[in-house]
N, C-alpha and C. Protein backbone atom coordinates (compact mmCIF):
# COMPACT_ATOMS: atom_id res chain seq x y z
N MET A 1 14.03 -2.92 17.73
CA MET A 1 12.83 -2.07 17.64
C MET A 1 13.21 -0.72 17.04
N SER A 2 12.41 -0.25 16.10
CA SER A 2 12.68 1.04 15.49
C SER A 2 12.13 2.17 16.34
N ALA A 3 12.74 3.33 16.19
CA ALA A 3 12.33 4.48 16.98
C ALA A 3 11.25 5.29 16.30
N GLY A 4 11.10 5.14 14.99
CA GLY A 4 10.15 5.95 14.25
C GLY A 4 8.77 5.34 14.20
N LEU A 5 7.95 5.86 13.29
CA LEU A 5 6.59 5.36 13.10
C LEU A 5 6.41 5.01 11.63
N PHE A 6 5.89 3.82 11.38
CA PHE A 6 5.72 3.31 10.03
C PHE A 6 4.23 3.28 9.71
N VAL A 7 3.81 4.12 8.74
CA VAL A 7 2.41 4.24 8.35
C VAL A 7 2.27 3.78 6.89
N SER A 8 1.38 2.84 6.65
CA SER A 8 1.11 2.42 5.27
C SER A 8 -0.30 2.81 4.87
N PHE A 9 -0.48 3.03 3.57
CA PHE A 9 -1.79 3.30 3.00
C PHE A 9 -2.15 2.17 2.05
N GLU A 10 -3.38 1.66 2.16
CA GLU A 10 -3.85 0.58 1.30
C GLU A 10 -5.22 0.94 0.73
N GLY A 11 -5.59 0.21 -0.30
CA GLY A 11 -6.89 0.42 -0.94
C GLY A 11 -6.83 -0.04 -2.38
N ILE A 12 -7.99 -0.20 -2.97
CA ILE A 12 -8.05 -0.61 -4.37
C ILE A 12 -7.59 0.54 -5.25
N ASP A 13 -7.33 0.25 -6.53
CA ASP A 13 -6.95 1.29 -7.48
C ASP A 13 -8.06 2.34 -7.56
N GLY A 14 -7.66 3.61 -7.51
CA GLY A 14 -8.64 4.69 -7.59
C GLY A 14 -9.29 5.04 -6.27
N SER A 15 -8.78 4.49 -5.17
CA SER A 15 -9.39 4.78 -3.86
C SER A 15 -9.04 6.16 -3.33
N GLY A 16 -7.98 6.76 -3.87
CA GLY A 16 -7.53 8.05 -3.36
C GLY A 16 -6.44 7.94 -2.32
N LYS A 17 -5.92 6.74 -2.09
CA LYS A 17 -4.92 6.54 -1.05
C LYS A 17 -3.63 7.31 -1.31
N SER A 18 -3.21 7.39 -2.59
CA SER A 18 -1.97 8.11 -2.89
C SER A 18 -2.11 9.60 -2.57
N THR A 19 -3.27 10.16 -2.90
CA THR A 19 -3.54 11.56 -2.56
C THR A 19 -3.52 11.76 -1.06
N GLN A 20 -4.14 10.85 -0.32
CA GLN A 20 -4.19 10.97 1.14
C GLN A 20 -2.81 10.79 1.76
N ALA A 21 -1.99 9.92 1.19
CA ALA A 21 -0.63 9.75 1.69
C ALA A 21 0.15 11.05 1.53
N ARG A 22 0.01 11.70 0.37
CA ARG A 22 0.70 12.97 0.14
C ARG A 22 0.19 14.05 1.08
N MET A 23 -1.12 14.08 1.27
CA MET A 23 -1.69 15.10 2.17
C MET A 23 -1.22 14.91 3.60
N LEU A 24 -1.14 13.66 4.05
CA LEU A 24 -0.65 13.40 5.40
C LEU A 24 0.81 13.82 5.53
N HIS A 25 1.61 13.49 4.52
CA HIS A 25 3.01 13.88 4.55
C HIS A 25 3.15 15.40 4.65
N ASP A 26 2.41 16.12 3.83
CA ASP A 26 2.47 17.58 3.87
C ASP A 26 2.04 18.12 5.23
N GLN A 27 0.99 17.53 5.79
CA GLN A 27 0.48 17.99 7.08
C GLN A 27 1.50 17.76 8.18
N LEU A 28 2.10 16.57 8.20
CA LEU A 28 3.09 16.27 9.24
C LEU A 28 4.30 17.18 9.13
N LEU A 29 4.75 17.45 7.91
CA LEU A 29 5.88 18.37 7.74
C LEU A 29 5.53 19.76 8.25
N SER A 30 4.31 20.20 7.96
CA SER A 30 3.90 21.54 8.40
C SER A 30 3.82 21.64 9.92
N GLU A 31 3.64 20.50 10.58
CA GLU A 31 3.57 20.47 12.04
C GLU A 31 4.95 20.28 12.67
N GLY A 32 5.98 20.17 11.83
CA GLY A 32 7.33 20.05 12.35
C GLY A 32 7.84 18.63 12.52
N HIS A 33 7.09 17.64 12.05
CA HIS A 33 7.54 16.25 12.14
C HIS A 33 8.55 15.94 11.04
N ASP A 34 9.44 15.03 11.32
CA ASP A 34 10.41 14.56 10.33
C ASP A 34 9.81 13.34 9.65
N ALA A 35 9.26 13.52 8.46
CA ALA A 35 8.53 12.45 7.78
C ALA A 35 9.01 12.32 6.35
N ILE A 36 8.98 11.09 5.84
CA ILE A 36 9.27 10.84 4.44
C ILE A 36 8.08 10.13 3.79
N LEU A 37 7.93 10.36 2.49
CA LEU A 37 6.87 9.71 1.72
C LEU A 37 7.52 8.79 0.70
N THR A 38 7.11 7.52 0.70
CA THR A 38 7.65 6.55 -0.22
C THR A 38 6.52 5.70 -0.78
N ARG A 39 6.86 4.73 -1.62
CA ARG A 39 5.80 3.95 -2.26
C ARG A 39 6.28 2.55 -2.59
N GLU A 40 5.31 1.66 -2.83
CA GLU A 40 5.60 0.32 -3.31
C GLU A 40 4.65 -0.03 -4.45
N PRO A 41 5.14 -0.81 -5.41
CA PRO A 41 6.54 -1.16 -5.56
C PRO A 41 7.36 0.08 -5.86
N GLY A 42 8.58 0.12 -5.38
CA GLY A 42 9.44 1.28 -5.57
C GLY A 42 10.01 1.76 -4.26
N GLY A 43 10.41 3.01 -4.23
CA GLY A 43 10.93 3.59 -3.01
C GLY A 43 12.44 3.50 -2.85
N SER A 44 13.09 2.78 -3.74
CA SER A 44 14.55 2.71 -3.81
C SER A 44 14.90 2.49 -5.27
N PRO A 45 16.13 2.81 -5.69
CA PRO A 45 16.45 2.69 -7.12
C PRO A 45 16.17 1.30 -7.71
N GLY A 46 16.59 0.25 -7.01
CA GLY A 46 16.36 -1.09 -7.52
C GLY A 46 14.89 -1.45 -7.56
N ALA A 47 14.16 -1.06 -6.53
CA ALA A 47 12.74 -1.36 -6.47
C ALA A 47 11.96 -0.61 -7.54
N GLU A 48 12.39 0.60 -7.87
CA GLU A 48 11.73 1.36 -8.94
C GLU A 48 11.90 0.66 -10.28
N GLU A 49 13.06 0.02 -10.50
CA GLU A 49 13.25 -0.72 -11.74
C GLU A 49 12.29 -1.90 -11.83
N ILE A 50 12.07 -2.58 -10.70
CA ILE A 50 11.11 -3.68 -10.68
C ILE A 50 9.70 -3.16 -10.89
N ARG A 51 9.39 -1.98 -10.35
CA ARG A 51 8.06 -1.38 -10.55
C ARG A 51 7.74 -1.26 -12.04
N ALA A 52 8.72 -0.82 -12.81
CA ALA A 52 8.51 -0.66 -14.25
C ALA A 52 8.17 -1.99 -14.91
N LEU A 53 8.69 -3.07 -14.37
CA LEU A 53 8.42 -4.39 -14.93
C LEU A 53 7.01 -4.88 -14.61
N VAL A 54 6.57 -4.66 -13.38
CA VAL A 54 5.33 -5.30 -12.94
C VAL A 54 4.07 -4.48 -13.19
N LEU A 55 4.20 -3.17 -13.36
CA LEU A 55 3.00 -2.34 -13.52
C LEU A 55 2.69 -1.98 -14.96
N ASN A 56 3.51 -2.44 -15.88
CA ASN A 56 3.28 -2.16 -17.29
C ASN A 56 3.14 -3.46 -18.07
N GLY A 57 2.51 -3.36 -19.24
CA GLY A 57 2.39 -4.53 -20.10
C GLY A 57 1.04 -5.20 -20.00
N ALA A 58 0.91 -6.33 -20.67
CA ALA A 58 -0.35 -7.07 -20.73
C ALA A 58 -0.69 -7.67 -19.36
N PRO A 59 -1.99 -7.85 -19.05
CA PRO A 59 -2.37 -8.42 -17.77
C PRO A 59 -1.72 -9.76 -17.49
N ASP A 60 -1.53 -10.58 -18.53
CA ASP A 60 -0.96 -11.92 -18.31
C ASP A 60 0.55 -11.95 -18.50
N ARG A 61 1.19 -10.80 -18.41
CA ARG A 61 2.64 -10.75 -18.61
C ARG A 61 3.38 -11.63 -17.60
N TRP A 62 2.93 -11.61 -16.35
CA TRP A 62 3.55 -12.41 -15.30
C TRP A 62 2.49 -13.28 -14.64
N SER A 63 2.88 -14.46 -14.21
CA SER A 63 2.00 -15.28 -13.39
C SER A 63 1.95 -14.70 -11.98
N PRO A 64 0.90 -15.01 -11.19
CA PRO A 64 0.87 -14.52 -9.81
C PRO A 64 2.09 -14.95 -9.01
N GLU A 65 2.61 -16.15 -9.27
CA GLU A 65 3.77 -16.63 -8.54
C GLU A 65 5.01 -15.80 -8.86
N THR A 66 5.20 -15.47 -10.14
CA THR A 66 6.34 -14.65 -10.53
C THR A 66 6.21 -13.24 -9.96
N GLU A 67 4.98 -12.70 -10.01
CA GLU A 67 4.74 -11.38 -9.41
C GLU A 67 5.12 -11.37 -7.94
N LEU A 68 4.75 -12.42 -7.23
CA LEU A 68 5.06 -12.51 -5.81
C LEU A 68 6.55 -12.39 -5.56
N LEU A 69 7.35 -13.09 -6.36
CA LEU A 69 8.80 -13.03 -6.20
C LEU A 69 9.34 -11.65 -6.55
N LEU A 70 8.82 -11.04 -7.60
CA LEU A 70 9.28 -9.72 -8.00
C LEU A 70 8.93 -8.67 -6.93
N PHE A 71 7.70 -8.70 -6.45
CA PHE A 71 7.29 -7.73 -5.44
C PHE A 71 8.08 -7.92 -4.14
N THR A 72 8.36 -9.16 -3.78
CA THR A 72 9.12 -9.40 -2.56
C THR A 72 10.55 -8.89 -2.71
N ALA A 73 11.14 -9.10 -3.87
CA ALA A 73 12.49 -8.58 -4.12
C ALA A 73 12.50 -7.06 -4.02
N ALA A 74 11.51 -6.41 -4.63
CA ALA A 74 11.43 -4.95 -4.55
C ALA A 74 11.24 -4.49 -3.12
N ARG A 75 10.38 -5.19 -2.37
CA ARG A 75 10.11 -4.79 -0.98
C ARG A 75 11.36 -4.94 -0.12
N ARG A 76 12.11 -6.01 -0.33
CA ARG A 76 13.32 -6.22 0.47
C ARG A 76 14.32 -5.08 0.24
N ASP A 77 14.51 -4.70 -1.02
CA ASP A 77 15.44 -3.62 -1.33
C ASP A 77 14.94 -2.30 -0.73
N HIS A 78 13.65 -2.05 -0.86
CA HIS A 78 13.05 -0.84 -0.30
C HIS A 78 13.23 -0.80 1.22
N LEU A 79 13.00 -1.94 1.86
CA LEU A 79 13.12 -2.02 3.31
C LEU A 79 14.55 -1.73 3.76
N GLU A 80 15.51 -2.35 3.07
CA GLU A 80 16.91 -2.20 3.46
C GLU A 80 17.42 -0.78 3.23
N ARG A 81 17.03 -0.18 2.11
CA ARG A 81 17.64 1.07 1.70
C ARG A 81 16.87 2.33 2.10
N THR A 82 15.59 2.18 2.36
CA THR A 82 14.77 3.37 2.64
C THR A 82 14.04 3.28 3.98
N VAL A 83 13.22 2.25 4.16
CA VAL A 83 12.32 2.22 5.30
C VAL A 83 13.07 2.06 6.62
N ARG A 84 13.86 1.02 6.76
CA ARG A 84 14.51 0.77 8.04
C ARG A 84 15.52 1.85 8.43
N PRO A 85 16.33 2.37 7.49
CA PRO A 85 17.21 3.47 7.88
C PRO A 85 16.46 4.69 8.40
N ALA A 86 15.32 5.01 7.78
CA ALA A 86 14.54 6.16 8.23
C ALA A 86 13.93 5.91 9.61
N LEU A 87 13.38 4.72 9.82
CA LEU A 87 12.80 4.40 11.12
C LEU A 87 13.86 4.41 12.22
N ALA A 88 15.06 3.94 11.89
CA ALA A 88 16.14 3.86 12.89
C ALA A 88 16.57 5.24 13.38
N THR A 89 16.33 6.26 12.58
CA THR A 89 16.67 7.62 13.00
C THR A 89 15.47 8.38 13.55
N GLY A 90 14.37 7.66 13.79
CA GLY A 90 13.20 8.25 14.43
C GLY A 90 12.25 8.98 13.50
N ARG A 91 12.37 8.78 12.20
CA ARG A 91 11.51 9.47 11.26
C ARG A 91 10.17 8.75 11.10
N ILE A 92 9.17 9.48 10.62
CA ILE A 92 7.88 8.90 10.27
C ILE A 92 7.95 8.49 8.80
N VAL A 93 7.70 7.22 8.52
CA VAL A 93 7.71 6.72 7.15
C VAL A 93 6.27 6.52 6.71
N ILE A 94 5.88 7.20 5.64
CA ILE A 94 4.54 7.05 5.06
C ILE A 94 4.71 6.32 3.74
N CYS A 95 4.11 5.15 3.63
CA CYS A 95 4.32 4.30 2.46
C CYS A 95 3.01 4.04 1.74
N ASP A 96 2.98 4.39 0.46
CA ASP A 96 1.83 4.13 -0.40
C ASP A 96 1.91 2.67 -0.86
N ARG A 97 1.20 1.81 -0.18
CA ARG A 97 1.17 0.35 -0.32
C ARG A 97 2.36 -0.30 0.37
N PHE A 98 2.08 -1.48 0.94
CA PHE A 98 3.14 -2.31 1.51
C PHE A 98 2.68 -3.76 1.35
N ALA A 99 3.01 -4.62 2.30
CA ALA A 99 2.80 -6.06 2.13
C ALA A 99 1.33 -6.45 1.99
N ASP A 100 0.42 -5.67 2.55
CA ASP A 100 -1.01 -6.02 2.43
C ASP A 100 -1.46 -6.01 0.97
N SER A 101 -0.86 -5.17 0.14
CA SER A 101 -1.21 -5.17 -1.28
C SER A 101 -0.80 -6.48 -1.95
N THR A 102 0.34 -7.03 -1.54
CA THR A 102 0.75 -8.32 -2.10
C THR A 102 -0.17 -9.43 -1.62
N ARG A 103 -0.61 -9.35 -0.36
CA ARG A 103 -1.56 -10.34 0.15
C ARG A 103 -2.84 -10.34 -0.69
N MET A 104 -3.20 -9.18 -1.22
CA MET A 104 -4.41 -9.07 -2.03
C MET A 104 -4.14 -9.36 -3.49
N TYR A 105 -3.30 -8.57 -4.12
CA TYR A 105 -3.16 -8.63 -5.57
C TYR A 105 -2.56 -9.93 -6.06
N GLN A 106 -1.66 -10.51 -5.29
CA GLN A 106 -1.11 -11.81 -5.68
C GLN A 106 -1.78 -12.95 -4.91
N GLY A 107 -2.02 -12.75 -3.63
CA GLY A 107 -2.60 -13.80 -2.80
C GLY A 107 -3.97 -14.23 -3.24
N LEU A 108 -4.76 -13.31 -3.80
CA LEU A 108 -6.11 -13.65 -4.23
C LEU A 108 -6.16 -14.13 -5.66
N ARG A 109 -5.17 -13.80 -6.48
CA ARG A 109 -5.22 -14.16 -7.89
C ARG A 109 -4.79 -15.60 -8.14
N GLY A 110 -3.93 -16.15 -7.31
CA GLY A 110 -3.47 -17.52 -7.51
C GLY A 110 -4.08 -18.44 -6.47
N GLY A 111 -4.51 -19.61 -6.88
CA GLY A 111 -5.12 -20.55 -5.95
C GLY A 111 -4.18 -20.95 -4.83
N GLY A 112 -4.57 -20.65 -3.61
CA GLY A 112 -3.76 -21.02 -2.45
C GLY A 112 -2.50 -20.21 -2.26
N LEU A 113 -2.36 -19.11 -2.97
CA LEU A 113 -1.11 -18.34 -2.90
C LEU A 113 -0.98 -17.52 -1.62
N ARG A 114 -2.07 -17.25 -0.93
CA ARG A 114 -1.97 -16.41 0.27
C ARG A 114 -0.99 -17.01 1.28
N ALA A 115 -1.00 -18.32 1.45
CA ALA A 115 -0.07 -18.96 2.39
C ALA A 115 1.37 -18.75 1.95
N GLN A 116 1.62 -18.81 0.65
CA GLN A 116 2.96 -18.59 0.15
C GLN A 116 3.38 -17.13 0.31
N VAL A 117 2.43 -16.22 0.11
CA VAL A 117 2.71 -14.80 0.33
C VAL A 117 3.16 -14.58 1.77
N ASP A 118 2.42 -15.13 2.72
CA ASP A 118 2.75 -14.94 4.14
C ASP A 118 4.07 -15.61 4.50
N ALA A 119 4.32 -16.81 3.95
CA ALA A 119 5.56 -17.51 4.27
C ALA A 119 6.76 -16.73 3.75
N LEU A 120 6.67 -16.21 2.52
CA LEU A 120 7.78 -15.45 1.95
C LEU A 120 7.96 -14.13 2.68
N HIS A 121 6.85 -13.54 3.10
CA HIS A 121 6.93 -12.29 3.88
C HIS A 121 7.66 -12.54 5.20
N ASP A 122 7.30 -13.60 5.89
CA ASP A 122 7.95 -13.91 7.17
C ASP A 122 9.44 -14.18 6.99
N LEU A 123 9.78 -14.83 5.89
CA LEU A 123 11.18 -15.21 5.66
C LEU A 123 12.04 -14.03 5.24
N MET A 124 11.52 -13.17 4.34
CA MET A 124 12.36 -12.15 3.73
C MET A 124 12.07 -10.71 4.19
N ILE A 125 10.89 -10.46 4.75
CA ILE A 125 10.53 -9.09 5.13
C ILE A 125 10.44 -8.96 6.66
N GLY A 126 9.53 -9.69 7.25
CA GLY A 126 9.45 -9.75 8.70
C GLY A 126 9.09 -8.45 9.39
N GLN A 127 8.39 -7.57 8.71
CA GLN A 127 8.01 -6.29 9.31
C GLN A 127 6.64 -5.88 8.81
N GLU A 128 5.82 -5.36 9.74
CA GLU A 128 4.52 -4.80 9.40
C GLU A 128 4.51 -3.32 9.77
N PRO A 129 3.65 -2.53 9.14
CA PRO A 129 3.52 -1.13 9.57
C PRO A 129 3.00 -1.03 11.00
N ASP A 130 3.24 0.12 11.62
CA ASP A 130 2.66 0.37 12.94
C ASP A 130 1.17 0.67 12.81
N VAL A 131 0.81 1.35 11.75
CA VAL A 131 -0.60 1.64 11.49
C VAL A 131 -0.82 1.59 9.99
N THR A 132 -1.92 0.98 9.57
CA THR A 132 -2.29 0.88 8.16
C THR A 132 -3.62 1.58 7.94
N ILE A 133 -3.61 2.57 7.06
CA ILE A 133 -4.82 3.31 6.72
C ILE A 133 -5.43 2.70 5.47
N LEU A 134 -6.62 2.14 5.58
CA LEU A 134 -7.33 1.58 4.44
C LEU A 134 -8.37 2.59 3.97
N ILE A 135 -8.16 3.14 2.78
CA ILE A 135 -9.13 4.06 2.19
C ILE A 135 -10.11 3.20 1.39
N ASP A 136 -11.34 3.10 1.89
CA ASP A 136 -12.33 2.19 1.32
C ASP A 136 -13.29 2.94 0.41
N VAL A 137 -13.41 2.46 -0.85
CA VAL A 137 -14.38 3.02 -1.79
C VAL A 137 -15.04 1.88 -2.56
N ASP A 138 -16.17 2.18 -3.16
CA ASP A 138 -16.87 1.22 -4.01
C ASP A 138 -15.97 0.81 -5.17
N ALA A 139 -16.00 -0.47 -5.52
CA ALA A 139 -15.09 -1.00 -6.53
C ALA A 139 -15.29 -0.34 -7.89
N ASP A 140 -16.54 -0.16 -8.33
CA ASP A 140 -16.80 0.45 -9.63
C ASP A 140 -16.34 1.90 -9.65
N ALA A 141 -16.59 2.62 -8.56
CA ALA A 141 -16.17 4.02 -8.49
C ALA A 141 -14.65 4.12 -8.52
N GLY A 142 -13.98 3.22 -7.80
CA GLY A 142 -12.52 3.23 -7.80
C GLY A 142 -11.94 2.95 -9.17
N LEU A 143 -12.51 1.97 -9.87
CA LEU A 143 -12.01 1.63 -11.20
C LEU A 143 -12.22 2.78 -12.16
N ALA A 144 -13.37 3.44 -12.07
CA ALA A 144 -13.64 4.58 -12.94
C ALA A 144 -12.63 5.70 -12.71
N ARG A 145 -12.32 5.96 -11.44
CA ARG A 145 -11.31 6.98 -11.12
C ARG A 145 -9.95 6.59 -11.68
N ALA A 146 -9.58 5.32 -11.51
CA ALA A 146 -8.27 4.86 -11.94
C ALA A 146 -8.11 4.95 -13.45
N VAL A 147 -9.16 4.57 -14.17
CA VAL A 147 -9.09 4.62 -15.63
C VAL A 147 -9.02 6.07 -16.11
N ALA A 148 -9.81 6.95 -15.48
CA ALA A 148 -9.80 8.36 -15.86
C ALA A 148 -8.46 9.02 -15.56
N ARG A 149 -7.79 8.55 -14.53
CA ARG A 149 -6.51 9.11 -14.12
C ARG A 149 -5.43 8.85 -15.16
N GLY A 150 -5.45 7.67 -15.76
CA GLY A 150 -4.43 7.31 -16.76
C GLY A 150 -3.06 7.20 -16.11
N GLY A 151 -2.04 7.53 -16.86
CA GLY A 151 -0.68 7.53 -16.30
C GLY A 151 0.17 6.39 -16.79
N GLY A 152 -0.41 5.41 -17.46
CA GLY A 152 0.39 4.36 -18.06
C GLY A 152 0.57 3.11 -17.23
N GLU A 153 0.60 3.23 -15.90
CA GLU A 153 0.80 2.06 -15.05
C GLU A 153 -0.55 1.41 -14.78
N ASP A 154 -1.08 0.75 -15.78
CA ASP A 154 -2.48 0.31 -15.72
C ASP A 154 -2.63 -1.19 -15.88
N ARG A 155 -1.57 -1.94 -15.63
CA ARG A 155 -1.67 -3.39 -15.86
C ARG A 155 -2.72 -4.03 -14.96
N PHE A 156 -2.76 -3.68 -13.69
CA PHE A 156 -3.72 -4.29 -12.79
C PHE A 156 -5.13 -3.76 -13.02
N GLU A 157 -5.25 -2.51 -13.42
CA GLU A 157 -6.56 -1.97 -13.74
C GLU A 157 -7.20 -2.73 -14.89
N ALA A 158 -6.35 -3.27 -15.79
CA ALA A 158 -6.85 -3.99 -16.95
C ALA A 158 -7.53 -5.30 -16.59
N PHE A 159 -7.36 -5.76 -15.36
CA PHE A 159 -8.05 -6.98 -14.94
C PHE A 159 -9.55 -6.74 -14.76
N GLY A 160 -9.96 -5.48 -14.60
CA GLY A 160 -11.38 -5.15 -14.60
C GLY A 160 -12.03 -5.07 -13.23
N GLY A 161 -13.35 -4.77 -13.27
CA GLY A 161 -14.11 -4.52 -12.05
C GLY A 161 -14.28 -5.72 -11.16
N GLY A 162 -14.31 -6.92 -11.74
CA GLY A 162 -14.47 -8.12 -10.91
C GLY A 162 -13.34 -8.29 -9.92
N LEU A 163 -12.11 -8.09 -10.39
CA LEU A 163 -10.96 -8.19 -9.49
C LEU A 163 -10.99 -7.06 -8.48
N GLN A 164 -11.39 -5.86 -8.91
CA GLN A 164 -11.47 -4.73 -7.98
C GLN A 164 -12.42 -5.03 -6.82
N ALA A 165 -13.58 -5.60 -7.14
CA ALA A 165 -14.56 -5.93 -6.11
C ALA A 165 -14.00 -6.98 -5.16
N GLN A 166 -13.32 -7.96 -5.71
CA GLN A 166 -12.71 -9.01 -4.89
C GLN A 166 -11.63 -8.42 -3.99
N MET A 167 -10.84 -7.50 -4.53
CA MET A 167 -9.79 -6.88 -3.74
C MET A 167 -10.38 -6.03 -2.61
N ARG A 168 -11.46 -5.31 -2.91
CA ARG A 168 -12.05 -4.48 -1.86
C ARG A 168 -12.48 -5.35 -0.67
N GLN A 169 -13.18 -6.44 -0.97
CA GLN A 169 -13.62 -7.32 0.12
C GLN A 169 -12.42 -7.95 0.82
N GLY A 170 -11.37 -8.23 0.06
CA GLY A 170 -10.17 -8.79 0.65
C GLY A 170 -9.50 -7.82 1.61
N PHE A 171 -9.42 -6.55 1.22
CA PHE A 171 -8.83 -5.55 2.11
C PHE A 171 -9.64 -5.39 3.39
N LEU A 172 -10.97 -5.40 3.26
CA LEU A 172 -11.81 -5.29 4.46
C LEU A 172 -11.62 -6.50 5.36
N ALA A 173 -11.41 -7.68 4.77
CA ALA A 173 -11.14 -8.87 5.58
C ALA A 173 -9.79 -8.75 6.27
N LEU A 174 -8.80 -8.19 5.59
CA LEU A 174 -7.49 -7.96 6.22
C LEU A 174 -7.61 -7.00 7.40
N ALA A 175 -8.48 -6.00 7.25
CA ALA A 175 -8.67 -5.04 8.33
C ALA A 175 -9.21 -5.70 9.58
N GLN A 176 -9.99 -6.76 9.41
CA GLN A 176 -10.47 -7.53 10.56
C GLN A 176 -9.38 -8.45 11.08
N GLU A 177 -8.63 -9.05 10.17
CA GLU A 177 -7.56 -9.97 10.57
C GLU A 177 -6.46 -9.27 11.36
N PHE A 178 -6.13 -8.05 10.93
CA PHE A 178 -5.09 -7.27 11.59
C PHE A 178 -5.70 -6.01 12.20
N ALA A 179 -6.71 -6.20 13.02
CA ALA A 179 -7.49 -5.08 13.55
C ALA A 179 -6.66 -4.15 14.44
N ASP A 180 -5.57 -4.66 15.00
CA ASP A 180 -4.77 -3.83 15.89
C ASP A 180 -4.06 -2.70 15.16
N ARG A 181 -3.77 -2.87 13.87
CA ARG A 181 -3.05 -1.82 13.15
C ARG A 181 -3.87 -1.16 12.04
N PHE A 182 -4.96 -1.75 11.62
CA PHE A 182 -5.76 -1.18 10.53
C PHE A 182 -6.73 -0.12 11.03
N ARG A 183 -6.89 0.93 10.24
CA ARG A 183 -7.93 1.92 10.44
C ARG A 183 -8.65 2.08 9.10
N VAL A 184 -9.94 1.77 9.04
CA VAL A 184 -10.72 1.83 7.80
C VAL A 184 -11.40 3.19 7.73
N ILE A 185 -11.17 3.90 6.61
CA ILE A 185 -11.70 5.25 6.45
C ILE A 185 -12.50 5.32 5.14
N ASP A 186 -13.68 5.89 5.22
CA ASP A 186 -14.56 6.02 4.06
C ASP A 186 -13.97 7.02 3.09
N GLY A 187 -13.56 6.54 1.91
CA GLY A 187 -12.92 7.40 0.93
C GLY A 187 -13.87 8.03 -0.07
N ALA A 188 -15.17 7.83 0.10
CA ALA A 188 -16.15 8.37 -0.85
C ALA A 188 -16.56 9.80 -0.53
N ARG A 189 -15.92 10.41 0.44
CA ARG A 189 -16.27 11.76 0.87
C ARG A 189 -15.29 12.79 0.31
N ASP A 190 -15.54 14.06 0.65
CA ASP A 190 -14.62 15.14 0.30
C ASP A 190 -13.22 14.81 0.82
N MET A 191 -12.19 15.09 0.01
CA MET A 191 -10.83 14.68 0.38
C MET A 191 -10.36 15.32 1.69
N ASP A 192 -10.83 16.51 2.01
CA ASP A 192 -10.42 17.14 3.26
C ASP A 192 -11.02 16.42 4.47
N ALA A 193 -12.26 15.94 4.31
CA ALA A 193 -12.88 15.17 5.39
C ALA A 193 -12.15 13.86 5.59
N VAL A 194 -11.77 13.21 4.50
CA VAL A 194 -10.99 11.98 4.59
C VAL A 194 -9.65 12.26 5.27
N ALA A 195 -9.00 13.34 4.85
CA ALA A 195 -7.69 13.68 5.41
C ALA A 195 -7.76 13.94 6.91
N ALA A 196 -8.85 14.54 7.38
CA ALA A 196 -8.99 14.80 8.81
C ALA A 196 -9.07 13.50 9.59
N ASP A 197 -9.78 12.51 9.04
CA ASP A 197 -9.87 11.21 9.71
C ASP A 197 -8.52 10.48 9.67
N VAL A 198 -7.80 10.63 8.57
CA VAL A 198 -6.46 10.03 8.47
C VAL A 198 -5.54 10.62 9.53
N ARG A 199 -5.53 11.92 9.63
CA ARG A 199 -4.65 12.58 10.60
C ARG A 199 -5.01 12.16 12.02
N ALA A 200 -6.29 12.03 12.32
CA ALA A 200 -6.72 11.61 13.65
C ALA A 200 -6.25 10.19 13.95
N ALA A 201 -6.32 9.32 12.96
CA ALA A 201 -5.88 7.93 13.16
C ALA A 201 -4.38 7.86 13.44
N VAL A 202 -3.60 8.67 12.74
CA VAL A 202 -2.15 8.69 12.95
C VAL A 202 -1.81 9.34 14.29
N ALA A 203 -2.60 10.33 14.67
CA ALA A 203 -2.34 11.00 15.95
C ALA A 203 -2.44 10.03 17.12
N GLU A 204 -3.32 9.04 17.02
CA GLU A 204 -3.45 8.04 18.07
C GLU A 204 -2.11 7.35 18.31
N ARG A 205 -1.43 6.99 17.21
CA ARG A 205 -0.16 6.26 17.34
C ARG A 205 0.99 7.19 17.72
N LEU A 206 0.95 8.42 17.24
CA LEU A 206 2.00 9.37 17.62
C LEU A 206 1.93 9.69 19.10
N ALA A 207 0.73 9.62 19.66
CA ALA A 207 0.57 9.91 21.08
C ALA A 207 1.17 8.81 21.95
């Protein structure tokens, strides 16, 4: 059992989850907590190299099955080198995306892949966050934000609004499936109002 607290942020592209993860990290540091901010795919040198492979290029560059293997490899390296060492020393780990994103982005794109996602997760990862913050926004609004943001890592955004809508409903279904750790927060509001709800949700677990 780890001594720290593992917090993940999930949501469709353009939901504002990355901004909220940064705001939570800043807030916790200002309160004197020992917290780190990391991300997936990425968060360790090897995983960042895989990130460059999977988030760039044409939408059909990889099959969902190949993506699943790549993301799992990145997650395993991230877990070994960043997440577990930090938790073992009692730190708060804030992660922008974790396994729930793979359950959605790969599990929903390939027929019957969700079972394979879960089986590979159980075999190679075997860890869930203590609390998962789902920043929920309308699919069209999220896609518009993501496209306006730019930044080059737009391979999944290129799949369009239909996939975004499917992912949003999938994340909400995950929040029901894993209700003990999920907290759903309305991301369509002022970012400070969203941040206050995020901090309150994390405070429950810190207590």
